[in-house]
Amino acid sequence: MKRVNTQKIGDVLQEFFSDNPALYKRVLDIRVQRAWGEVLGEMVLQYTKNIYVKDKTLYVSLSSSVLRSELSFCKDRLVQSLNDYVGSSVIENIILR
């Protein structure tokens, strides 16, 4: 049986997300949240209480003031690393709480 009108899954997803930009933005936000643990490692993830994205800003609640202080020195590098991991410019700033 010959298949007719076949498409690559990547093309179908790209077309779907182009029709639903809000959904695509939400998917990228979730990727950034997951990237936090992947980029910074398990030790930092243990001290992370809450993490969310709002208006191109990543908000991270940490339970360690020492870790918060250390991470605040390299915010620009973190933004770049997280965006590189996701493959898109999702965040522009990080606020550590």
Protein backbone atom coordinates (compact mmCIF):
# COMPACT_ATOMS: atom_id res chain seq x y z
CA MET A 1 0.00 0.00 0.00
CA LYS A 2 1.49 3.29 -1.05
CA ARG A 3 1.14 6.26 1.27
CA VAL A 4 -0.16 9.46 -0.18
CA ASN A 5 0.40 12.97 1.17
CA THR A 6 3.07 12.06 3.71
CA GLN A 7 4.88 14.77 5.66
CA LYS A 8 7.79 14.81 8.05
CA ILE A 9 6.82 15.14 11.71
CA GLY A 10 9.08 18.17 12.07
CA ASP A 11 7.23 19.95 9.28
CA VAL A 12 3.86 19.10 10.83
CA LEU A 13 4.95 20.41 14.25
CA GLN A 14 6.40 23.57 12.74
CA GLU A 15 3.13 24.24 10.94
CA PHE A 16 1.13 23.52 14.09
CA PHE A 17 3.23 25.89 16.23
CA SER A 18 3.15 28.61 13.58
CA ASP A 19 -0.65 28.47 13.84
CA ASN A 20 -0.48 28.52 17.68
CA PRO A 21 2.30 30.94 18.77
CA ALA A 22 1.04 31.15 22.38
CA LEU A 23 1.36 27.39 22.74
CA TYR A 24 4.87 27.47 21.27
CA LYS A 25 5.88 30.20 23.74
CA ARG A 26 4.59 28.07 26.62
CA VAL A 27 6.56 25.05 25.36
CA LEU A 28 9.74 27.17 25.30
CA ASP A 29 9.03 28.43 28.83
CA ILE A 30 8.78 24.84 30.07
CA ARG A 31 12.02 23.96 28.28
CA VAL A 32 13.79 26.77 30.13
CA GLN A 33 12.44 25.54 33.45
CA ARG A 34 13.75 22.04 32.74
CA ALA A 35 17.03 23.42 31.43
CA TRP A 36 17.73 25.00 34.84
CA GLY A 37 18.42 21.58 36.36
CA GLU A 38 20.27 20.30 33.30
CA VAL A 39 22.57 23.31 32.94
CA LEU A 40 23.28 23.94 36.62
CA GLY A 41 23.23 20.37 37.88
CA GLU A 42 21.61 18.34 40.61
CA MET A 43 23.18 20.23 43.53
CA VAL A 44 21.67 23.58 42.49
CA LEU A 45 18.36 21.86 41.74
CA GLN A 46 18.23 20.62 45.35
CA TYR A 47 18.20 24.23 46.59
CA THR A 48 15.66 25.38 43.99
CA LYS A 49 12.18 25.79 45.45
CA ASN A 50 10.18 27.40 42.66
CA ILE A 51 10.94 28.37 39.09
CA TYR A 52 8.77 30.05 36.46
CA VAL A 53 8.98 32.34 33.41
CA LYS A 54 7.01 35.56 33.06
CA ASP A 55 7.57 38.30 30.48
CA LYS A 56 10.95 36.94 29.31
CA THR A 57 12.21 36.88 32.92
CA LEU A 58 13.10 33.67 34.75
CA TYR A 59 12.13 33.80 38.44
CA VAL A 60 13.95 31.34 40.67
CA SER A 61 13.39 30.85 44.40
CA LEU A 62 16.41 29.41 46.18
CA SER A 63 16.64 28.15 49.75
CA SER A 64 20.35 28.98 50.07
CA SER A 65 21.42 32.60 50.37
CA VAL A 66 25.02 31.67 49.62
CA LEU A 67 24.01 29.99 46.36
CA ARG A 68 21.78 32.95 45.48
CA SER A 69 24.73 35.28 45.97
CA GLU A 70 27.07 33.13 43.86
CA LEU A 71 24.58 32.80 41.01
CA SER A 72 23.86 36.52 40.98
CA PHE A 73 27.45 37.15 39.88
CA CYS A 74 26.99 35.16 36.68
CA LYS A 75 23.43 36.03 35.62
CA ASP A 76 24.41 37.04 32.09
CA ARG A 77 26.23 33.77 31.52
CA LEU A 78 23.27 31.83 32.92
CA VAL A 79 20.84 33.59 30.57
CA GLN A 80 23.09 32.78 27.62
CA SER A 81 23.57 29.14 28.68
CA LEU A 82 19.85 28.54 29.24
CA ASN A 83 18.89 30.14 25.93
CA ASP A 84 21.58 28.11 24.13
CA TYR A 85 20.31 24.91 25.74
CA VAL A 86 16.74 25.64 24.63
CA GLY A 87 17.85 26.82 21.21
CA SER A 88 15.90 30.08 21.28
CA SER A 89 16.04 33.45 23.00
CA VAL A 90 13.37 32.76 25.62
CA ILE A 91 14.63 34.75 28.60
CA GLU A 92 16.41 38.07 28.93
CA ASN A 93 16.82 38.32 32.69
CA ILE A 94 16.95 36.13 35.81
CA ILE A 95 15.62 37.19 39.19
CA LEU A 96 16.89 35.13 42.09
CA ARG A 97 14.81 35.17 45.25
